[in-house]
Amino acid sequence: MKFLDNINELWAAVLQELTGSVSTAVMSTWIKTLTPVAFEDDTLILETSSSFKKNIIDSRFLSEIKIATEKALCFEVDVVIKVENEDVDVNVDTPIVMETVHYDANGNRYPHNSIDPTFQNFIVGSTNQFAYVAALAVANNPGSVHNPLFIYGESGLGKTHLLKAIRADLQAKKPTMNILFTSGENFLNEMITHMGEKKMSEFHDKYRNADILLMDDIQFIGKTSVAQEEFFYTFEALINQGKQIVLTSDRPPKDISTLEERLRSRFVQGLLADIQPPLLETRIAIIRRKAQAFQMSIPDDVVEFIAERLKNNVRQIEGVVNKLYAVYSIDGCAPTIGVANDIIKDIIYYAQPTEVTINNIIEKVGRAFGVSAEDIRSEKKKAEISHARQFAMYIMREVTNLTYEEIGAQFGGKKHSTVIYSIEAAESKMEDNPQLKTSVYDIMKSIKDERNE
């Protein structure tokens, strides 16, 4: 019966992830009526009692269940709803290996082999150190420093980890403190629900009486003027009482185009702290720490391969290690570069680079550095052209999956060693010139945004 126990533990973790993201009524009426059947080939199979229920859940709640399952497992999965007594193509005699899940006193799910979201388990590098120190200062002196603290950066870089680390630290030191951890999207949904039920006083009591408000993805409140107005008065009430506010976003306040000016001005009155993609040595440390949590040995060449291929998203890096462990546990397949490469192909969400992306990189670098795209591709050795060419190569390595040889081919067949030298030169120049580093990151962000549209 261990198989069913493991499936039930996974389902309990999924339900925990769903808590707060769907209403209590939805949980009791629809989601909690589902029965977990199996987990096979990265697919969670659930059963319901009727076709009617299946159709409702498929159309309205399946995406939320899928997202919650992926959060629980940290890798991409499918979710299938079946009607009881229908044929299910699953061999239930085949055991699977799942994480042993337990809960702390506050109902937080922590697998024994996962990394708890604490300050101690946050891998600090040069690209996230400022945000880490600021978050730690807030945990040590809530309401006294950096209020509000606004942490921004792309998805998967550790913003939510820092929010949870603040919560964990304060829960340990100040167990009676009223800590409210939520998201901008949840704030919006709760507001709509309470407005519909004419219970806005309950909504106000919940948010305006918190000792510390930790809100992930604040940019979601920009969707409606009503949500922004509600948050403005919540913000004012907490700040005037000396309560701490910590917000995260995928961009700085000035770049949230739908944000009202009165909120934007208040968000910047505290401290802005950005998190950039981790450097290679930080990515290697993250992989090794995650493998250590699984008590799994990953060869150095495999660690370096993963760190080289996944540069911009810590969550994806951890997802690869999770899946390496799952593959090893289920199939007995040792971590190799080949296995890691197959997992990476499944886990990254963007397609291989196209000629359009490559041309876009060269054109944007050319405009930024005042040289033509033709000159960057040429053999010309003028200092300003070579300078721009180095950064074009650096950006190609960072935002595409091109090998060094393939990057060299874009510049008249430059050798592997030449490309490496150019990239290292670009990295060195950025370390010496923060303004240059910011300009290069702006180019990379622009390219990624355009590619993902």
Protein backbone atom coordinates (compact mmCIF):
# COMPACT_ATOMS: atom_id res chain seq x y z
CA MET A 1 0.00 0.00 0.00
CA LYS A 2 3.00 2.28 -0.04
CA PHE A 3 2.08 3.33 -3.58
CA LEU A 4 -1.31 4.68 -2.50
CA ASP A 5 0.24 6.34 0.55
CA ASN A 6 2.70 8.15 -1.71
CA ILE A 7 -0.04 9.24 -4.09
CA ASN A 8 -2.10 10.49 -1.17
CA GLU A 9 0.89 12.44 0.13
CA LEU A 10 1.32 14.07 -3.28
CA TRP A 11 -2.37 14.95 -3.39
CA ALA A 12 -2.17 16.43 0.12
CA ALA A 13 0.70 18.61 -1.07
CA VAL A 14 -1.31 19.72 -4.11
CA LEU A 15 -4.29 20.64 -1.92
CA GLN A 16 -1.96 22.64 0.31
CA GLU A 17 -0.64 24.56 -2.72
CA LEU A 18 -4.24 25.27 -3.80
CA THR A 19 -5.20 26.69 -0.41
CA GLY A 20 -5.67 30.42 -0.84
CA SER A 21 -5.64 30.33 -4.64
CA VAL A 22 -9.20 28.97 -4.92
CA SER A 23 -12.19 29.63 -2.68
CA THR A 24 -13.22 27.39 0.19
CA ALA A 25 -16.43 26.59 -1.66
CA VAL A 26 -14.55 25.44 -4.76
CA MET A 27 -12.22 23.32 -2.64
CA SER A 28 -15.02 21.52 -0.83
CA THR A 29 -17.47 21.23 -3.75
CA TRP A 30 -15.13 20.23 -6.54
CA ILE A 31 -11.46 19.70 -5.80
CA LYS A 32 -11.58 17.76 -2.55
CA THR A 33 -14.07 15.34 -4.11
CA LEU A 34 -11.34 14.12 -6.46
CA THR A 35 -9.51 10.90 -5.63
CA PRO A 36 -5.82 10.47 -6.57
CA VAL A 37 -5.31 7.28 -8.59
CA ALA A 38 -1.77 7.23 -9.94
CA PHE A 39 1.26 9.23 -10.98
CA GLU A 40 2.94 7.87 -14.08
CA ASP A 41 4.96 9.36 -16.94
CA ASP A 42 4.82 12.79 -15.29
CA THR A 43 0.99 12.61 -15.22
CA LEU A 44 -1.20 12.85 -12.13
CA ILE A 45 -4.42 10.89 -12.65
CA LEU A 46 -7.43 11.84 -10.55
CA GLU A 47 -10.90 10.31 -10.39
CA THR A 48 -14.31 11.89 -9.96
CA SER A 49 -17.73 10.33 -9.55
CA SER A 50 -19.50 11.61 -12.67
CA SER A 51 -19.01 12.99 -16.16
CA PHE A 52 -20.80 16.15 -15.02
CA LYS A 53 -18.19 16.82 -12.35
CA LYS A 54 -15.36 15.92 -14.73
CA ASN A 55 -16.57 18.45 -17.33
CA ILE A 56 -16.87 21.22 -14.74
CA ILE A 57 -13.44 20.55 -13.25
CA ASP A 58 -11.79 20.19 -16.68
CA SER A 59 -13.18 23.49 -17.90
CA ARG A 60 -12.80 25.59 -14.77
CA PHE A 61 -10.21 24.22 -12.38
CA LEU A 62 -7.84 21.91 -14.24
CA SER A 63 -5.24 24.61 -14.89
CA GLU A 64 -5.13 25.55 -11.18
CA ILE A 65 -4.67 21.88 -10.21
CA LYS A 66 -1.89 21.51 -12.79
CA ILE A 67 -0.07 24.62 -11.54
CA ALA A 68 -0.36 23.46 -7.91
CA THR A 69 0.98 20.00 -8.83
CA GLU A 70 3.96 21.55 -10.62
CA LYS A 71 4.67 23.72 -7.59
CA ALA A 72 4.54 20.67 -5.34
CA LEU A 73 6.93 18.67 -7.56
CA CYS A 74 8.99 21.53 -9.08
CA PHE A 75 8.79 20.12 -12.60
CA GLU A 76 6.27 20.19 -15.43
CA VAL A 77 3.46 17.65 -15.25
CA ASP A 78 0.10 16.80 -16.82
CA VAL A 79 -3.12 16.25 -14.89
CA VAL A 80 -5.88 13.98 -16.15
CA ILE A 81 -9.37 13.69 -14.67
CA LYS A 82 -11.09 10.31 -15.10
CA VAL A 83 -14.60 9.16 -14.23
CA GLU A 84 -14.75 6.28 -11.77
CA ASN A 85 -14.90 2.78 -13.35
CA GLU A 86 -13.62 4.07 -16.70
CA ASP A 87 -10.61 2.21 -18.08
CA VAL A 88 -7.36 3.78 -16.89
CA ASP A 89 -4.18 2.81 -18.71
CA VAL A 90 -2.04 2.58 -15.61
CA ASN A 91 -0.19 -0.37 -14.11
CA VAL A 92 -1.05 0.14 -10.45
CA ASP A 93 1.30 -2.66 -9.45
CA THR A 94 4.29 -0.53 -10.44
CA PRO A 95 5.52 1.48 -7.43
CA ILE A 96 6.68 5.06 -7.81
CA VAL A 97 9.04 7.04 -5.65
CA MET A 98 7.62 10.25 -4.26
CA GLU A 99 8.91 12.67 -1.67
CA THR A 100 7.90 12.03 1.93
CA VAL A 101 5.85 15.08 2.86
CA HIS A 102 5.18 16.49 6.30
CA TYR A 103 3.79 19.76 7.61
CA ASP A 104 4.97 22.21 10.21
CA ALA A 105 2.76 23.77 12.86
CA ASN A 106 1.61 26.43 10.41
CA GLY A 107 0.53 23.97 7.74
CA ASN A 108 3.51 24.58 5.45
CA ARG A 109 4.57 21.62 3.34
CA TYR A 110 8.21 20.61 3.60
CA PRO A 111 9.45 17.40 1.93
CA HIS A 112 12.25 15.90 4.00
CA ASN A 113 14.59 16.09 1.03
CA SER A 114 13.63 19.56 -0.15
CA ILE A 115 15.33 22.81 0.73
CA ASP A 116 13.27 24.84 3.19
CA PRO A 117 12.82 28.47 2.05
CA THR A 118 14.95 30.04 4.79
CA PHE A 119 17.77 32.57 4.81
CA GLN A 120 20.22 29.79 5.66
CA ASN A 121 19.25 27.90 2.51
CA PHE A 122 19.33 30.87 0.16
CA ILE A 123 22.39 30.67 -2.09
CA VAL A 124 23.89 34.17 -2.06
CA GLY A 125 25.84 35.47 -5.04
CA SER A 126 26.80 38.85 -6.42
CA THR A 127 23.53 39.17 -8.37
CA ASN A 128 21.20 38.68 -5.38
CA GLN A 129 23.28 39.75 -2.39
CA PHE A 130 21.72 43.21 -2.05
CA ALA A 131 18.18 41.81 -1.99
CA TYR A 132 19.23 39.10 0.48
CA VAL A 133 20.80 41.59 2.91
CA ALA A 134 17.78 43.89 2.66
CA ALA A 135 15.34 41.02 3.36
CA LEU A 136 17.43 39.88 6.32
CA ALA A 137 17.43 43.42 7.74
CA VAL A 138 13.64 43.54 7.49
CA ALA A 139 13.34 40.19 9.30
CA ASN A 140 15.57 41.48 12.07
CA ASN A 141 13.82 44.86 12.43
CA PRO A 142 10.33 44.75 10.88
CA GLY A 143 8.78 48.17 10.46
CA SER A 144 12.03 49.94 11.27
CA VAL A 145 14.07 49.67 8.08
CA HIS A 146 13.37 49.51 4.34
CA ASN A 147 9.64 50.09 4.52
CA PRO A 148 8.35 49.15 2.06
CA LEU A 149 10.95 46.76 0.69
CA PHE A 150 10.33 46.20 -3.03
CA ILE A 151 12.20 43.22 -4.54
CA TYR A 152 12.05 42.80 -8.31
CA GLY A 153 13.47 40.46 -10.91
CA GLU A 154 12.47 37.92 -13.50
CA SER A 155 10.56 34.76 -12.62
CA GLY A 156 12.43 31.97 -10.88
CA LEU A 157 15.30 33.96 -9.34
CA GLY A 158 14.41 33.67 -5.65
CA LYS A 159 12.02 36.53 -4.85
CA THR A 160 9.41 34.21 -3.34
CA HIS A 161 12.13 32.35 -1.43
CA LEU A 162 13.13 35.61 0.27
CA LEU A 163 9.51 36.39 1.17
CA LYS A 164 9.13 32.94 2.72
CA ALA A 165 12.47 33.31 4.48
CA ILE A 166 11.25 36.51 6.13
CA ARG A 167 8.08 34.72 7.20
CA ALA A 168 9.96 31.69 8.56
CA ASP A 169 12.43 33.86 10.46
CA LEU A 170 9.71 35.98 12.08
CA GLN A 171 7.52 32.99 12.87
CA ALA A 172 10.43 31.51 14.81
CA LYS A 173 11.32 34.72 16.65
CA LYS A 174 7.87 36.30 17.03
CA PRO A 175 5.26 33.51 16.97
CA THR A 176 2.40 35.86 17.95
CA MET A 177 3.06 38.26 15.09
CA ASN A 178 0.23 38.52 12.55
CA ILE A 179 2.08 37.73 9.30
CA LEU A 180 0.04 37.89 6.11
CA PHE A 181 1.63 36.15 3.11
CA THR A 182 -0.29 36.48 -0.16
CA SER A 183 0.03 37.47 -3.81
CA GLY A 184 -1.22 40.35 -5.91
CA GLU A 185 -3.47 37.98 -7.83
CA ASN A 186 -4.93 36.56 -4.63
CA PHE A 187 -5.50 40.08 -3.27
CA LEU A 188 -7.42 40.89 -6.46
CA ASN A 189 -9.49 37.69 -6.34
CA GLU A 190 -10.29 38.07 -2.64
CA MET A 191 -11.38 41.65 -3.19
CA ILE A 192 -13.76 40.61 -5.99
CA THR A 193 -15.21 37.80 -3.86
CA HIS A 194 -15.75 40.03 -0.83
CA MET A 195 -17.29 42.77 -2.97
CA GLY A 196 -19.71 40.25 -4.47
CA GLU A 197 -20.65 38.97 -1.01
CA LYS A 198 -20.84 42.53 0.40
CA LYS A 199 -18.26 41.65 3.04
CA MET A 200 -15.60 44.28 2.38
CA SER A 201 -15.26 44.99 6.10
CA GLU A 202 -13.87 41.46 6.56
CA PHE A 203 -11.46 42.08 3.70
CA HIS A 204 -10.29 45.34 5.27
CA ASP A 205 -9.87 43.74 8.68
CA LYS A 206 -7.72 40.97 7.24
CA TYR A 207 -5.32 43.18 5.31
CA ARG A 208 -5.21 46.34 7.40
CA ASN A 209 -4.56 44.60 10.71
CA ALA A 210 -1.52 42.63 9.64
CA ASP A 211 1.75 43.21 11.49
CA ILE A 212 3.68 42.43 8.33
CA LEU A 213 2.32 42.13 4.78
CA LEU A 214 4.33 39.97 2.37
CA MET A 215 2.88 40.20 -1.13
CA ASP A 216 4.25 38.31 -4.13
CA ASP A 217 3.74 39.55 -7.71
CA ILE A 218 2.27 42.94 -6.79
CA GLN A 219 2.03 43.81 -10.51
CA PHE A 220 -1.26 41.89 -10.68
CA ILE A 221 -3.14 44.62 -8.84
CA GLY A 222 -2.48 46.88 -11.84
CA LYS A 223 -5.26 45.06 -13.70
CA THR A 224 -8.02 47.18 -12.16
CA SER A 225 -8.28 50.65 -10.70
CA VAL A 226 -10.48 49.31 -7.88
CA ALA A 227 -7.76 46.88 -6.74
CA GLN A 228 -5.20 49.67 -6.84
CA GLU A 229 -7.45 51.90 -4.76
CA GLU A 230 -7.97 49.12 -2.19
CA PHE A 231 -4.27 48.43 -1.99
CA PHE A 232 -3.46 52.14 -1.69
CA TYR A 233 -5.60 52.44 1.45
CA THR A 234 -4.22 49.14 2.80
CA PHE A 235 -0.70 50.44 2.21
CA GLU A 236 -1.45 53.76 3.93
CA ALA A 237 -3.08 52.06 6.92
CA LEU A 238 -0.14 49.72 7.52
CA ILE A 239 2.60 52.29 6.97
CA ASN A 240 0.88 54.78 9.28
CA GLN A 241 0.81 52.10 12.00
CA GLY A 242 4.51 51.36 11.51
CA LYS A 243 3.79 47.92 10.08
CA GLN A 244 6.19 46.30 7.61
CA ILE A 245 5.39 45.77 3.92
CA VAL A 246 7.48 43.66 1.55
CA LEU A 247 6.50 43.42 -2.11
CA THR A 248 7.89 41.52 -5.08
CA SER A 249 7.40 42.04 -8.78
CA ASP A 250 8.85 40.90 -12.08
CA ARG A 251 9.79 44.52 -12.83
CA PRO A 252 10.53 47.79 -10.99
CA PRO A 253 7.63 50.15 -10.20
CA LYS A 254 8.53 52.51 -13.05
CA ASP A 255 8.02 49.67 -15.55
CA ILE A 256 4.57 48.58 -14.31
CA SER A 257 2.77 50.63 -16.93
CA THR A 258 -0.73 50.20 -15.47
CA LEU A 259 0.31 51.29 -11.98
CA GLU A 260 -1.14 54.55 -10.68
CA GLU A 261 1.40 57.24 -9.89
CA ARG A 262 0.35 57.51 -6.24
CA LEU A 263 1.21 53.83 -5.73
CA ARG A 264 4.38 54.02 -7.77
CA SER A 265 5.64 56.92 -5.65
CA ARG A 266 4.93 55.02 -2.43
CA PHE A 267 6.63 51.85 -3.62
CA VAL A 268 9.87 53.74 -4.22
CA GLN A 269 9.80 55.61 -0.90
CA GLY A 270 11.39 52.61 0.81
CA LEU A 271 14.09 50.44 -0.77
CA LEU A 272 14.20 48.90 -4.25
CA ALA A 273 16.30 45.74 -4.52
CA ASP A 274 16.74 43.86 -7.78
CA ILE A 275 17.73 40.24 -8.37
CA GLN A 276 19.57 39.41 -11.58
CA PRO A 277 20.17 35.94 -13.06
CA PRO A 278 22.84 34.06 -11.05
CA LEU A 279 26.41 33.82 -12.29
CA LEU A 280 27.92 30.44 -13.15
CA GLU A 281 29.48 29.77 -9.74
CA THR A 282 26.17 30.54 -8.01
CA ARG A 283 24.27 28.22 -10.36
CA ILE A 284 26.77 25.44 -9.60
CA ALA A 285 26.31 26.01 -5.86
CA ILE A 286 22.51 25.82 -6.25
CA ILE A 287 22.73 22.49 -8.09
CA ARG A 288 25.09 21.01 -5.50
CA ARG A 289 22.95 22.19 -2.58
CA LYS A 290 19.83 20.71 -4.16
CA ALA A 291 21.58 17.40 -4.89
CA GLN A 292 22.85 17.31 -1.31
CA ALA A 293 19.27 17.66 -0.06
CA PHE A 294 18.40 14.52 -2.04
CA GLN A 295 21.58 12.79 -0.80
CA MET A 296 22.39 12.31 -4.47
CA SER A 297 25.81 12.54 -6.09
CA ILE A 298 25.96 14.39 -9.40
CA PRO A 299 29.29 14.27 -11.28
CA ASP A 300 31.05 17.61 -11.72
CA ASP A 301 30.73 17.52 -15.52
CA VAL A 302 26.96 17.06 -15.23
CA VAL A 303 26.70 19.88 -12.69
CA GLU A 304 28.65 22.20 -14.98
CA PHE A 305 26.59 21.14 -18.01
CA ILE A 306 23.32 22.01 -16.25
CA ALA A 307 24.73 25.31 -14.98
CA GLU A 308 25.89 26.27 -18.48
CA ARG A 309 22.59 25.40 -20.15
CA LEU A 310 20.22 27.02 -17.65
CA LYS A 311 21.36 30.54 -16.90
CA ASN A 312 18.32 32.63 -16.10
CA ASN A 313 15.96 30.69 -13.86
CA VAL A 314 16.77 29.11 -10.50
CA ARG A 315 13.42 27.32 -10.44
CA GLN A 316 14.26 25.55 -13.70
CA ILE A 317 17.68 24.56 -12.34
CA GLU A 318 16.07 23.04 -9.25
CA GLY A 319 13.47 21.36 -11.44
CA VAL A 320 16.19 19.60 -13.42
CA VAL A 321 17.78 18.25 -10.24
CA ASN A 322 14.34 17.15 -8.98
CA LYS A 323 13.75 15.22 -12.16
CA LEU A 324 17.26 13.74 -12.16
CA TYR A 325 16.45 12.37 -8.72
CA ALA A 326 13.07 11.06 -9.88
CA VAL A 327 14.61 9.34 -12.91
CA TYR A 328 17.33 7.80 -10.73
CA SER A 329 14.82 6.64 -8.11
CA ILE A 330 12.39 5.12 -10.58
CA ASP A 331 14.63 3.80 -13.37
CA GLY A 332 17.97 3.54 -11.58
CA CYS A 333 19.44 5.79 -14.27
CA ALA A 334 22.55 7.54 -12.94
CA PRO A 335 22.93 11.32 -13.58
CA THR A 336 24.77 11.78 -16.89
CA ILE A 337 25.05 14.63 -19.35
CA GLY A 338 22.78 12.74 -21.74
CA VAL A 339 20.05 12.27 -19.15
CA ALA A 340 20.41 15.89 -17.98
CA ASN A 341 20.15 17.15 -21.56
CA ASP A 342 16.92 15.22 -22.15
CA ILE A 343 15.44 16.66 -18.96
CA ILE A 344 16.50 20.19 -19.86
CA LYS A 345 14.79 19.89 -23.24
CA ASP A 346 11.57 18.99 -21.43
CA ILE A 347 11.84 21.64 -18.77
CA ILE A 348 12.71 24.81 -20.69
CA TYR A 349 9.74 26.62 -22.10
CA TYR A 350 11.16 28.46 -25.06
CA ALA A 351 12.07 27.12 -28.48
CA GLN A 352 15.54 26.87 -29.93
CA PRO A 353 16.83 30.24 -31.17
CA THR A 354 15.90 31.35 -34.67
CA GLU A 355 17.77 33.48 -37.13
CA VAL A 356 15.39 36.30 -36.21
CA THR A 357 16.55 36.18 -32.57
CA ILE A 358 20.21 36.14 -33.59
CA ASN A 359 19.76 39.11 -35.92
CA ASN A 360 17.81 40.93 -33.20
CA ILE A 361 20.70 40.50 -30.76
CA ILE A 362 23.25 41.88 -33.19
CA GLU A 363 21.04 44.80 -34.22
CA LYS A 364 20.28 45.81 -30.62
CA VAL A 365 23.93 45.56 -29.60
CA GLY A 366 24.90 47.61 -32.64
CA ARG A 367 22.46 50.39 -31.76
CA ALA A 368 23.57 50.38 -28.11
CA PHE A 369 27.29 50.58 -28.96
CA GLY A 370 27.03 52.83 -32.02
CA VAL A 371 28.27 50.40 -34.68
CA SER A 372 26.50 48.68 -37.54
CA ALA A 373 25.28 45.09 -37.51
CA GLU A 374 27.37 44.47 -40.61
CA ASP A 375 30.54 45.62 -38.84
CA ILE A 376 29.83 43.38 -35.84
CA ARG A 377 29.58 40.36 -38.14
CA SER A 378 32.68 41.40 -40.11
CA GLU A 379 36.38 40.73 -39.56
CA LYS A 380 37.07 44.38 -38.73
CA LYS A 381 39.24 44.80 -35.64
CA LYS A 382 38.60 48.42 -34.64
CA ALA A 383 38.32 48.67 -30.86
CA GLU A 384 34.71 49.82 -30.81
CA ILE A 385 33.66 47.06 -33.22
CA SER A 386 35.51 44.34 -31.31
CA HIS A 387 34.00 45.68 -28.09
CA ALA A 388 30.44 45.41 -29.48
CA ARG A 389 31.18 41.97 -30.96
CA GLN A 390 32.23 40.66 -27.54
CA PHE A 391 28.91 41.68 -26.02
CA ALA A 392 26.93 40.25 -28.93
CA MET A 393 28.65 36.90 -28.26
CA TYR A 394 28.02 37.22 -24.53
CA ILE A 395 24.31 37.91 -25.01
CA MET A 396 23.95 35.03 -27.48
CA ARG A 397 25.39 32.67 -24.91
CA GLU A 398 23.07 34.02 -22.20
CA VAL A 399 19.74 34.05 -24.03
CA THR A 400 20.08 31.19 -26.54
CA ASN A 401 21.10 27.55 -26.52
CA LEU A 402 23.80 28.03 -29.15
CA THR A 403 27.11 26.26 -28.52
CA TYR A 404 30.38 28.19 -28.65
CA GLU A 405 30.98 26.78 -32.14
CA GLU A 406 27.52 27.88 -33.29
CA ILE A 407 28.08 31.36 -31.86
CA GLY A 408 31.41 31.58 -33.67
CA ALA A 409 29.68 30.63 -36.93
CA GLN A 410 27.57 33.79 -36.67
CA PHE A 411 30.76 35.88 -36.83
CA GLY A 412 32.49 34.44 -39.85
CA GLY A 413 33.50 31.14 -38.26
CA LYS A 414 35.31 32.38 -35.14
CA LYS A 415 37.07 29.60 -33.26
CA HIS A 416 35.72 28.08 -30.05
CA SER A 417 38.62 29.61 -28.07
CA THR A 418 38.01 33.05 -29.57
CA VAL A 419 34.37 33.01 -28.53
CA ILE A 420 35.26 31.99 -24.96
CA TYR A 421 37.89 34.76 -24.76
CA SER A 422 35.37 37.33 -26.05
CA ILE A 423 32.70 36.30 -23.55
CA GLU A 424 35.16 36.38 -20.66
CA ALA A 425 36.33 39.83 -21.77
CA ALA A 426 32.72 41.06 -21.81
CA GLU A 427 32.11 39.66 -18.30
CA SER A 428 35.25 41.35 -17.00
CA LYS A 429 34.23 44.71 -18.48
CA MET A 430 30.80 44.48 -16.89
CA GLU A 431 32.25 43.74 -13.46
CA ASP A 432 34.34 46.91 -13.75
CA ASN A 433 31.49 49.04 -15.10
CA PRO A 434 28.06 48.66 -13.39
CA GLN A 435 26.43 51.07 -15.84
CA LEU A 436 27.62 48.95 -18.77
CA LYS A 437 26.32 45.83 -17.00
CA THR A 438 22.90 47.43 -16.61
CA SER A 439 22.80 48.34 -20.31
CA VAL A 440 23.63 44.77 -21.32
CA TYR A 441 20.96 43.33 -19.00
CA ASP A 442 18.45 45.78 -20.50
CA ILE A 443 19.27 44.46 -23.97
CA MET A 444 18.86 40.86 -22.81
CA LYS A 445 15.53 41.62 -21.13
CA SER A 446 14.25 43.33 -24.26
CA ILE A 447 15.22 40.34 -26.41
CA LYS A 448 13.60 37.85 -24.03
CA ASP A 449 10.40 39.89 -23.79
CA GLU A 450 10.10 40.16 -27.57
CA ARG A 451 10.78 36.45 -28.04
CA ASN A 452 8.13 35.47 -25.51
CA GLU A 453 5.37 37.71 -26.91
